[in-house]
Amino acid sequence: MAEKTETAKKENDNVIFVGKKPTMSYVLAVITQFSEGTKEVFIKARGRSISRAVDVVEVVKNKFIDTLKYTIDIGTEEVEDEGKRLNVSTISIKLTK
């Protein structure tokens, strides 16, 4: 059972969930992933954090990795909050060197 947990951790190591931390915290996480040899990194965000996720990609691309390539997937998730169903926008950005 420990092997499955380790495999799951390795698969999710290259996913960065953007929230309320400063932009440079996420930039550092992306740079760290690439410096450890990861070929692709996924940045995911929902709602108001989407603009911060885009900022992270722009900083990495313009200041650190000139050859950065990215693909963007957008969508909507239905979330229940206090008995109400809300639609929340989502973004997933795949970064490759």
PDB file of N, CA and C in Angstrom:
ATOM      1  N   MET A   1       0.819  -1.193   0.000  1.00  0.00           N
ATOM      2  CA  MET A   1       0.000   0.000   0.000  1.00  0.00           C
ATOM      3  C   MET A   1       0.864   1.258   0.000  1.00  0.00           C
ATOM      4  N   ALA A   2       2.028   1.200   0.620  1.00  0.00           N
ATOM      5  CA  ALA A   2       2.922   2.353   0.652  1.00  0.00           C
ATOM      6  C   ALA A   2       3.394   2.708  -0.753  1.00  0.00           C
ATOM      7  N   GLU A   3       3.544   1.699  -1.616  1.00  0.00           N
ATOM      8  CA  GLU A   3       3.996   1.960  -2.981  1.00  0.00           C
ATOM      9  C   GLU A   3       2.985   2.802  -3.742  1.00  0.00           C
ATOM     10  N   LYS A   4       1.709   2.531  -3.556  1.00  0.00           N
ATOM     11  CA  LYS A   4       0.680   3.311  -4.242  1.00  0.00           C
ATOM     12  C   LYS A   4       0.701   4.757  -3.776  1.00  0.00           C
ATOM     13  N   THR A   5       0.905   4.976  -2.491  1.00  0.00           N
ATOM     14  CA  THR A   5       0.959   6.330  -1.966  1.00  0.00           C
ATOM     15  C   THR A   5       2.146   7.083  -2.540  1.00  0.00           C
ATOM     16  N   GLU A   6       3.307   6.438  -2.615  1.00  0.00           N
ATOM     17  CA  GLU A   6       4.474   7.081  -3.184  1.00  0.00           C
ATOM     18  C   GLU A   6       4.262   7.413  -4.652  1.00  0.00           C
ATOM     19  N   THR A   7       3.627   6.508  -5.391  1.00  0.00           N
ATOM     20  CA  THR A   7       3.345   6.759  -6.803  1.00  0.00           C
ATOM     21  C   THR A   7       2.393   7.933  -6.945  1.00  0.00           C
ATOM     22  N   ALA A   8       1.365   7.993  -6.115  1.00  0.00           N
ATOM     23  CA  ALA A   8       0.416   9.102  -6.177  1.00  0.00           C
ATOM     24  C   ALA A   8       1.103  10.420  -5.864  1.00  0.00           C
ATOM     25  N   LYS A   9       2.003  10.416  -4.903  1.00  0.00           N
ATOM     26  CA  LYS A   9       2.729  11.632  -4.575  1.00  0.00           C
ATOM     27  C   LYS A   9       3.594  12.075  -5.741  1.00  0.00           C
ATOM     28  N   LYS A  10       4.266  11.130  -6.397  1.00  0.00           N
ATOM     29  CA  LYS A  10       5.124  11.474  -7.527  1.00  0.00           C
ATOM     30  C   LYS A  10       4.307  12.052  -8.671  1.00  0.00           C
ATOM     31  N   GLU A  11       3.106  11.531  -8.897  1.00  0.00           N
ATOM     32  CA  GLU A  11       2.273  12.035  -9.976  1.00  0.00           C
ATOM     33  C   GLU A  11       1.782  13.450  -9.682  1.00  0.00           C
ATOM     34  N   ASN A  12       1.561  13.788  -8.416  1.00  0.00           N
ATOM     35  CA  ASN A  12       1.055  15.103  -8.047  1.00  0.00           C
ATOM     36  C   ASN A  12       2.154  16.085  -7.699  1.00  0.00           C
ATOM     37  N   ASP A  13       3.409  15.657  -7.733  1.00  0.00           N
ATOM     38  CA  ASP A  13       4.504  16.553  -7.400  1.00  0.00           C
ATOM     39  C   ASP A  13       4.616  17.715  -8.378  1.00  0.00           C
ATOM     40  N   ASN A  14       4.201  17.501  -9.606  1.00  0.00           N
ATOM     41  CA  ASN A  14       4.350  18.552 -10.597  1.00  0.00           C
ATOM     42  C   ASN A  14       3.085  19.408 -10.753  1.00  0.00           C
ATOM     43  N   VAL A  15       2.170  19.347  -9.779  1.00  0.00           N
ATOM     44  CA  VAL A  15       0.959  20.160  -9.800  1.00  0.00           C
ATOM     45  C   VAL A  15       1.076  21.221  -8.714  1.00  0.00           C
ATOM     46  N   ILE A  16       0.879  22.474  -9.106  1.00  0.00           N
ATOM     47  CA  ILE A  16       0.933  23.584  -8.164  1.00  0.00           C
ATOM     48  C   ILE A  16      -0.449  24.230  -8.138  1.00  0.00           C
ATOM     49  N   PHE A  17      -1.074  24.207  -6.965  1.00  0.00           N
ATOM     50  CA  PHE A  17      -2.387  24.814  -6.788  1.00  0.00           C
ATOM     51  C   PHE A  17      -2.201  26.248  -6.296  1.00  0.00           C
ATOM     52  N   VAL A  18      -2.659  27.197  -7.096  1.00  0.00           N
ATOM     53  CA  VAL A  18      -2.483  28.611  -6.765  1.00  0.00           C
ATOM     54  C   VAL A  18      -3.640  29.064  -5.880  1.00  0.00           C
ATOM     55  N   GLY A  19      -3.272  29.757  -4.807  1.00  0.00           N
ATOM     56  CA  GLY A  19      -4.256  30.274  -3.862  1.00  0.00           C
ATOM     57  C   GLY A  19      -3.958  31.718  -3.523  1.00  0.00           C
ATOM     58  N   LYS A  20      -3.860  32.004  -2.220  1.00  0.00           N
ATOM     59  CA  LYS A  20      -3.724  33.390  -1.761  1.00  0.00           C
ATOM     60  C   LYS A  20      -2.304  33.812  -1.405  1.00  0.00           C
ATOM     61  N   LYS A  21      -1.331  32.922  -1.552  1.00  0.00           N
ATOM     62  CA  LYS A  21       0.054  33.282  -1.251  1.00  0.00           C
ATOM     63  C   LYS A  21       0.553  34.301  -2.280  1.00  0.00           C
ATOM     64  N   PRO A  22       1.663  34.969  -1.979  1.00  0.00           N
ATOM     65  CA  PRO A  22       2.234  35.903  -2.960  1.00  0.00           C
ATOM     66  C   PRO A  22       2.653  35.175  -4.247  1.00  0.00           C
ATOM     67  N   THR A  23       2.599  35.885  -5.336  1.00  0.00           N
ATOM     68  CA  THR A  23       2.916  35.329  -6.651  1.00  0.00           C
ATOM     69  C   THR A  23       4.303  34.681  -6.674  1.00  0.00           C
ATOM     70  N   MET A  24       5.281  35.325  -6.051  1.00  0.00           N
ATOM     71  CA  MET A  24       6.645  34.805  -6.112  1.00  0.00           C
ATOM     72  C   MET A  24       6.795  33.463  -5.398  1.00  0.00           C
ATOM     73  N   SER A  25       5.928  33.142  -4.466  1.00  0.00           N
ATOM     74  CA  SER A  25       5.958  31.821  -3.827  1.00  0.00           C
ATOM     75  C   SER A  25       5.689  30.729  -4.846  1.00  0.00           C
ATOM     76  N   TYR A  26       4.725  30.984  -5.717  1.00  0.00           N
ATOM     77  CA  TYR A  26       4.382  30.005  -6.750  1.00  0.00           C
ATOM     78  C   TYR A  26       5.432  29.979  -7.853  1.00  0.00           C
ATOM     79  N   VAL A  27       6.011  31.140  -8.168  1.00  0.00           N
ATOM     80  CA  VAL A  27       7.095  31.201  -9.157  1.00  0.00           C
ATOM     81  C   VAL A  27       8.263  30.342  -8.673  1.00  0.00           C
ATOM     82  N   LEU A  28       8.623  30.482  -7.407  1.00  0.00           N
ATOM     83  CA  LEU A  28       9.708  29.689  -6.831  1.00  0.00           C
ATOM     84  C   LEU A  28       9.393  28.195  -6.911  1.00  0.00           C
ATOM     85  N   ALA A  29       8.143  27.823  -6.671  1.00  0.00           N
ATOM     86  CA  ALA A  29       7.743  26.417  -6.757  1.00  0.00           C
ATOM     87  C   ALA A  29       7.917  25.888  -8.182  1.00  0.00           C
ATOM     88  N   VAL A  30       7.552  26.673  -9.169  1.00  0.00           N
ATOM     89  CA  VAL A  30       7.707  26.264 -10.576  1.00  0.00           C
ATOM     90  C   VAL A  30       9.187  26.108 -10.923  1.00  0.00           C
ATOM     91  N   ILE A  31       9.994  27.109 -10.572  1.00  0.00           N
ATOM     92  CA  ILE A  31      11.425  27.064 -10.871  1.00  0.00           C
ATOM     93  C   ILE A  31      12.071  25.868 -10.185  1.00  0.00           C
ATOM     94  N   THR A  32      11.671  25.586  -8.949  1.00  0.00           N
ATOM     95  CA  THR A  32      12.204  24.438  -8.216  1.00  0.00           C
ATOM     96  C   THR A  32      11.866  23.135  -8.933  1.00  0.00           C
ATOM     97  N   GLN A  33      10.634  23.003  -9.396  1.00  0.00           N
ATOM     98  CA  GLN A  33      10.227  21.786 -10.109  1.00  0.00           C
ATOM     99  C   GLN A  33      11.085  21.583 -11.353  1.00  0.00           C
ATOM    100  N   PHE A  34      11.268  22.628 -12.141  1.00  0.00           N
ATOM    101  CA  PHE A  34      12.064  22.495 -13.360  1.00  0.00           C
ATOM    102  C   PHE A  34      13.537  22.225 -13.041  1.00  0.00           C
ATOM    103  N   SER A  35      14.070  22.828 -11.981  1.00  0.00           N
ATOM    104  CA  SER A  35      15.473  22.608 -11.649  1.00  0.00           C
ATOM    105  C   SER A  35      15.717  21.191 -11.124  1.00  0.00           C
ATOM    106  N   GLU A  36      14.673  20.541 -10.615  1.00  0.00           N
ATOM    107  CA  GLU A  36      14.788  19.146 -10.166  1.00  0.00           C
ATOM    108  C   GLU A  36      14.647  18.158 -11.317  1.00  0.00           C
ATOM    109  N   GLY A  37      14.454  18.656 -12.528  1.00  0.00           N
ATOM    110  CA  GLY A  37      14.411  17.788 -13.694  1.00  0.00           C
ATOM    111  C   GLY A  37      13.031  17.464 -14.217  1.00  0.00           C
ATOM    112  N   THR A  38      11.996  18.031 -13.634  1.00  0.00           N
ATOM    113  CA  THR A  38      10.639  17.790 -14.111  1.00  0.00           C
ATOM    114  C   THR A  38      10.479  18.384 -15.508  1.00  0.00           C
ATOM    115  N   LYS A  39       9.876  17.629 -16.410  1.00  0.00           N
ATOM    116  CA  LYS A  39       9.710  18.085 -17.788  1.00  0.00           C
ATOM    117  C   LYS A  39       8.479  18.969 -17.971  1.00  0.00           C
ATOM    118  N   GLU A  40       7.441  18.732 -17.152  1.00  0.00           N
ATOM    119  CA  GLU A  40       6.231  19.545 -17.251  1.00  0.00           C
ATOM    120  C   GLU A  40       5.673  19.812 -15.858  1.00  0.00           C
ATOM    121  N   VAL A  41       5.107  21.013 -15.710  1.00  0.00           N
ATOM    122  CA  VAL A  41       4.510  21.440 -14.448  1.00  0.00           C
ATOM    123  C   VAL A  41       3.107  21.947 -14.762  1.00  0.00           C
ATOM    124  N   PHE A  42       2.154  21.583 -13.911  1.00  0.00           N
ATOM    125  CA  PHE A  42       0.778  22.032 -14.069  1.00  0.00           C
ATOM    126  C   PHE A  42       0.469  23.070 -13.001  1.00  0.00           C
ATOM    127  N   ILE A  43      -0.085  24.198 -13.417  1.00  0.00           N
ATOM    128  CA  ILE A  43      -0.540  25.228 -12.487  1.00  0.00           C
ATOM    129  C   ILE A  43      -2.057  25.234 -12.556  1.00  0.00           C
ATOM    130  N   LYS A  44      -2.700  25.086 -11.398  1.00  0.00           N
ATOM    131  CA  LYS A  44      -4.157  25.031 -11.357  1.00  0.00           C
ATOM    132  C   LYS A  44      -4.681  26.082 -10.393  1.00  0.00           C
ATOM    133  N   ALA A  45      -5.809  26.701 -10.757  1.00  0.00           N
ATOM    134  CA  ALA A  45      -6.425  27.713  -9.909  1.00  0.00           C
ATOM    135  C   ALA A  45      -7.922  27.767 -10.186  1.00  0.00           C
ATOM    136  N   ARG A  46      -8.646  28.323  -9.200  1.00  0.00           N
ATOM    137  CA  ARG A  46     -10.087  28.506  -9.344  1.00  0.00           C
ATOM    138  C   ARG A  46     -10.455  29.924  -8.924  1.00  0.00           C
ATOM    139  N   GLY A  47     -11.545  30.409  -9.491  1.00  0.00           N
ATOM    140  CA  GLY A  47     -12.123  31.680  -9.064  1.00  0.00           C
ATOM    141  C   GLY A  47     -11.172  32.856  -9.143  1.00  0.00           C
ATOM    142  N   ARG A  48     -11.071  33.581  -8.027  1.00  0.00           N
ATOM    143  CA  ARG A  48     -10.270  34.802  -7.992  1.00  0.00           C
ATOM    144  C   ARG A  48      -8.771  34.557  -8.087  1.00  0.00           C
ATOM    145  N   SER A  49      -8.349  33.332  -7.910  1.00  0.00           N
ATOM    146  CA  SER A  49      -6.916  33.007  -7.989  1.00  0.00           C
ATOM    147  C   SER A  49      -6.438  32.819  -9.423  1.00  0.00           C
ATOM    148  N   ILE A  50      -7.346  32.825 -10.373  1.00  0.00           N
ATOM    149  CA  ILE A  50      -6.970  32.615 -11.775  1.00  0.00           C
ATOM    150  C   ILE A  50      -5.996  33.691 -12.249  1.00  0.00           C
ATOM    151  N   SER A  51      -6.245  34.934 -11.897  1.00  0.00           N
ATOM    152  CA  SER A  51      -5.346  36.010 -12.347  1.00  0.00           C
ATOM    153  C   SER A  51      -3.952  35.838 -11.760  1.00  0.00           C
ATOM    154  N   ARG A  52      -3.850  35.347 -10.533  1.00  0.00           N
ATOM    155  CA  ARG A  52      -2.543  35.104  -9.923  1.00  0.00           C
ATOM    156  C   ARG A  52      -1.822  33.971 -10.656  1.00  0.00           C
ATOM    157  N   ALA A  53      -2.556  32.941 -11.075  1.00  0.00           N
ATOM    158  CA  ALA A  53      -1.955  31.833 -11.820  1.00  0.00           C
ATOM    159  C   ALA A  53      -1.375  32.337 -13.148  1.00  0.00           C
ATOM    160  N   VAL A  54      -2.099  33.215 -13.813  1.00  0.00           N
ATOM    161  CA  VAL A  54      -1.606  33.788 -15.068  1.00  0.00           C
ATOM    162  C   VAL A  54      -0.366  34.635 -14.798  1.00  0.00           C
ATOM    163  N   ASP A  55      -0.370  35.393 -13.706  1.00  0.00           N
ATOM    164  CA  ASP A  55       0.800  36.194 -13.337  1.00  0.00           C
ATOM    165  C   ASP A  55       2.018  35.308 -13.105  1.00  0.00           C
ATOM    166  N   VAL A  56       1.824  34.169 -12.460  1.00  0.00           N
ATOM    167  CA  VAL A  56       2.919  33.234 -12.193  1.00  0.00           C
ATOM    168  C   VAL A  56       3.552  32.794 -13.513  1.00  0.00           C
ATOM    169  N   VAL A  57       2.730  32.402 -14.465  1.00  0.00           N
ATOM    170  CA  VAL A  57       3.247  31.950 -15.761  1.00  0.00           C
ATOM    171  C   VAL A  57       4.002  33.077 -16.464  1.00  0.00           C
ATOM    172  N   GLU A  58       3.466  34.269 -16.429  1.00  0.00           N
ATOM    173  CA  GLU A  58       4.116  35.395 -17.093  1.00  0.00           C
ATOM    174  C   GLU A  58       5.464  35.727 -16.453  1.00  0.00           C
ATOM    175  N   VAL A  59       5.555  35.692 -15.132  1.00  0.00           N
ATOM    176  CA  VAL A  59       6.824  35.973 -14.457  1.00  0.00           C
ATOM    177  C   VAL A  59       7.852  34.902 -14.799  1.00  0.00           C
ATOM    178  N   VAL A  60       7.438  33.641 -14.745  1.00  0.00           N
ATOM    179  CA  VAL A  60       8.372  32.551 -15.071  1.00  0.00           C
ATOM    180  C   VAL A  60       8.853  32.694 -16.505  1.00  0.00           C
ATOM    181  N   LYS A  61       7.938  32.970 -17.411  1.00  0.00           N
ATOM    182  CA  LYS A  61       8.286  33.075 -18.836  1.00  0.00           C
ATOM    183  C   LYS A  61       9.180  34.285 -19.112  1.00  0.00           C
ATOM    184  N   ASN A  62       8.857  35.429 -18.545  1.00  0.00           N
ATOM    185  CA  ASN A  62       9.582  36.661 -18.883  1.00  0.00           C
ATOM    186  C   ASN A  62      10.870  36.853 -18.098  1.00  0.00           C
ATOM    187  N   LYS A  63      10.971  36.308 -16.895  1.00  0.00           N
ATOM    188  CA  LYS A  63      12.137  36.578 -16.053  1.00  0.00           C
ATOM    189  C   LYS A  63      13.096  35.396 -15.907  1.00  0.00           C
ATOM    190  N   PHE A  64      12.591  34.164 -16.064  1.00  0.00           N
ATOM    191  CA  PHE A  64      13.428  33.011 -15.732  1.00  0.00           C
ATOM    192  C   PHE A  64      13.651  32.032 -16.882  1.00  0.00           C
ATOM    193  N   ILE A  65      12.604  31.637 -17.593  1.00  0.00           N
ATOM    194  CA  ILE A  65      12.745  30.603 -18.631  1.00  0.00           C
ATOM    195  C   ILE A  65      12.180  31.142 -19.949  1.00  0.00           C
ATOM    196  N   ASP A  66      13.078  31.587 -20.816  1.00  0.00           N
ATOM    197  CA  ASP A  66      12.662  32.176 -22.086  1.00  0.00           C
ATOM    198  C   ASP A  66      11.986  31.171 -23.010  1.00  0.00           C
ATOM    199  N   THR A  67      12.378  29.906 -22.906  1.00  0.00           N
ATOM    200  CA  THR A  67      11.887  28.881 -23.838  1.00  0.00           C
ATOM    201  C   THR A  67      10.626  28.185 -23.328  1.00  0.00           C
ATOM    202  N   LEU A  68       9.960  28.761 -22.347  1.00  0.00           N
ATOM    203  CA  LEU A  68       8.782  28.144 -21.742  1.00  0.00           C
ATOM    204  C   LEU A  68       7.626  28.060 -22.733  1.00  0.00           C
ATOM    205  N   LYS A  69       7.032  26.888 -22.809  1.00  0.00           N
ATOM    206  CA  LYS A  69       5.833  26.678 -23.632  1.00  0.00           C
ATOM    207  C   LYS A  69       4.681  26.357 -22.686  1.00  0.00           C
ATOM    208  N   TYR A  70       3.476  26.741 -23.065  1.00  0.00           N
ATOM    209  CA  TYR A  70       2.338  26.466 -22.192  1.00  0.00           C
ATOM    210  C   TYR A  70       1.068  26.223 -22.991  1.00  0.00           C
ATOM    211  N   THR A  71       0.191  25.429 -22.408  1.00  0.00           N
ATOM    212  CA  THR A  71      -1.147  25.227 -22.946  1.00  0.00           C
ATOM    213  C   THR A  71      -2.129  25.482 -21.813  1.00  0.00           C
ATOM    214  N   ILE A  72      -3.263  26.053 -22.164  1.00  0.00           N
ATOM    215  CA  ILE A  72      -4.232  26.476 -21.162  1.00  0.00           C
ATOM    216  C   ILE A  72      -5.554  25.749 -21.377  1.00  0.00           C
ATOM    217  N   ASP A  73      -6.092  25.197 -20.286  1.00  0.00           N
ATOM    218  CA  ASP A  73      -7.429  24.609 -20.290  1.00  0.00           C
ATOM    219  C   ASP A  73      -8.274  25.385 -19.296  1.00  0.00           C
ATOM    220  N   ILE A  74      -9.465  25.774 -19.722  1.00  0.00           N
ATOM    221  CA  ILE A  74     -10.371  26.483 -18.822  1.00  0.00           C
ATOM    222  C   ILE A  74     -11.651  25.685 -18.671  1.00  0.00           C
ATOM    223  N   GLY A  75     -12.345  25.916 -17.585  1.00  0.00           N
ATOM    224  CA  GLY A  75     -13.583  25.194 -17.364  1.00  0.00           C
ATOM    225  C   GLY A  75     -14.375  25.798 -16.220  1.00  0.00           C
ATOM    226  N   THR A  76     -15.421  25.087 -15.830  1.00  0.00           N
ATOM    227  CA  THR A  76     -16.283  25.513 -14.741  1.00  0.00           C
ATOM    228  C   THR A  76     -16.581  24.320 -13.854  1.00  0.00           C
ATOM    229  N   GLU A  77     -16.514  24.537 -12.541  1.00  0.00           N
ATOM    230  CA  GLU A  77     -16.879  23.508 -11.579  1.00  0.00           C
ATOM    231  C   GLU A  77     -18.109  23.984 -10.827  1.00  0.00           C
ATOM    232  N   GLU A  78     -18.958  23.051 -10.490  1.00  0.00           N
ATOM    233  CA  GLU A  78     -20.125  23.385  -9.671  1.00  0.00           C
ATOM    234  C   GLU A  78     -19.786  23.087  -8.219  1.00  0.00           C
ATOM    235  N   VAL A  79     -19.899  24.108  -7.365  1.00  0.00           N
ATOM    236  CA  VAL A  79     -19.552  23.995  -5.954  1.00  0.00           C
ATOM    237  C   VAL A  79     -20.784  24.312  -5.124  1.00  0.00           C
ATOM    238  N   GLU A  80     -20.945  23.582  -4.022  1.00  0.00           N
ATOM    239  CA  GLU A  80     -22.070  23.864  -3.136  1.00  0.00           C
ATOM    240  C   GLU A  80     -21.572  24.649  -1.934  1.00  0.00           C
ATOM    241  N   ASP A  81     -22.179  25.814  -1.692  1.00  0.00           N
ATOM    242  CA  ASP A  81     -21.792  26.681  -0.579  1.00  0.00           C
ATOM    243  C   ASP A  81     -23.045  27.109   0.162  1.00  0.00           C
ATOM    244  N   GLU A  82     -23.150  26.693   1.423  1.00  0.00           N
ATOM    245  CA  GLU A  82     -24.299  27.014   2.275  1.00  0.00           C
ATOM    246  C   GLU A  82     -25.614  26.627   1.602  1.00  0.00           C
ATOM    247  N   GLY A  83     -25.624  25.466   0.988  1.00  0.00           N
ATOM    248  CA  GLY A  83     -26.834  24.961   0.353  1.00  0.00           C
ATOM    249  C   GLY A  83     -27.095  25.505  -1.037  1.00  0.00           C
ATOM    250  N   LYS A  84     -26.282  26.437  -1.500  1.00  0.00           N
ATOM    251  CA  LYS A  84     -26.456  27.011  -2.841  1.00  0.00           C
ATOM    252  C   LYS A  84     -25.439  26.392  -3.781  1.00  0.00           C
ATOM    253  N   ARG A  85     -25.845  26.178  -5.001  1.00  0.00           N
ATOM    254  CA  ARG A  85     -24.915  25.687  -6.029  1.00  0.00           C
ATOM    255  C   ARG A  85     -24.351  26.874  -6.779  1.00  0.00           C
ATOM    256  N   LEU A  86     -23.026  26.915  -6.823  1.00  0.00           N
ATOM    257  CA  LEU A  86     -22.336  28.001  -7.500  1.00  0.00           C
ATOM    258  C   LEU A  86     -21.447  27.450  -8.596  1.00  0.00           C
ATOM    259  N   ASN A  87     -21.320  28.194  -9.673  1.00  0.00           N
ATOM    260  CA  ASN A  87     -20.385  27.843 -10.737  1.00  0.00           C
ATOM    261  C   ASN A  87     -19.099  28.629 -10.515  1.00  0.00           C
ATOM    262  N   VAL A  88     -17.978  27.914 -10.459  1.00  0.00           N
ATOM    263  CA  VAL A  88     -16.679  28.538 -10.232  1.00  0.00           C
ATOM    264  C   VAL A  88     -15.791  28.254 -11.439  1.00  0.00           C
ATOM    265  N   SER A  89     -15.189  29.300 -11.979  1.00  0.00           N
ATOM    266  CA  SER A  89     -14.288  29.147 -13.122  1.00  0.00           C
ATOM    267  C   SER A  89     -12.998  28.483 -12.676  1.00  0.00           C
ATOM    268  N   THR A  90     -12.410  27.683 -13.581  1.00  0.00           N
ATOM    269  CA  THR A  90     -11.149  27.001 -13.288  1.00  0.00           C
ATOM    270  C   THR A  90     -10.179  27.200 -14.454  1.00  0.00           C
ATOM    271  N   ILE A  91      -8.889  27.084 -14.141  1.00  0.00           N
ATOM    272  CA  ILE A  91      -7.864  27.141 -15.170  1.00  0.00           C
ATOM    273  C   ILE A  91      -6.781  26.127 -14.825  1.00  0.00           C
ATOM    274  N   SER A  92      -6.267  25.478 -15.844  1.00  0.00           N
ATOM    275  CA  SER A  92      -5.136  24.569 -15.699  1.00  0.00           C
ATOM    276  C   SER A  92      -4.141  24.926 -16.798  1.00  0.00           C
ATOM    277  N   ILE A  93      -2.933  25.271 -16.386  1.00  0.00           N
ATOM    278  CA  ILE A  93      -1.910  25.692 -17.328  1.00  0.00           C
ATOM    279  C   ILE A  93      -0.774  24.674 -17.278  1.00  0.00           C
ATOM    280  N   LYS A  94      -0.504  24.042 -18.409  1.00  0.00           N
ATOM    281  CA  LYS A  94       0.579  23.056 -18.505  1.00  0.00           C
ATOM    282  C   LYS A  94       1.818  23.763 -19.042  1.00  0.00           C
ATOM    283  N   LEU A  95       2.884  23.735 -18.235  1.00  0.00           N
ATOM    284  CA  LEU A  95       4.148  24.366 -18.613  1.00  0.00           C
ATOM    285  C   LEU A  95       5.150  23.304 -19.017  1.00  0.00           C
ATOM    286  N   THR A  96       5.848  23.532 -20.123  1.00  0.00           N
ATOM    287  CA  THR A  96       6.926  22.642 -20.543  1.00  0.00           C
ATOM    288  C   THR A  96       8.117  23.500 -20.973  1.00  0.00           C
ATOM    289  N   LYS A  97       9.293  22.940 -20.760  1.00  0.00           N
ATOM    290  CA  LYS A  97      10.527  23.651 -21.154  1.00  0.00           C
ATOM    291  C   LYS A  97      10.805  23.446 -22.611  1.00  0.00           C
TER     292      LYS A  97
END
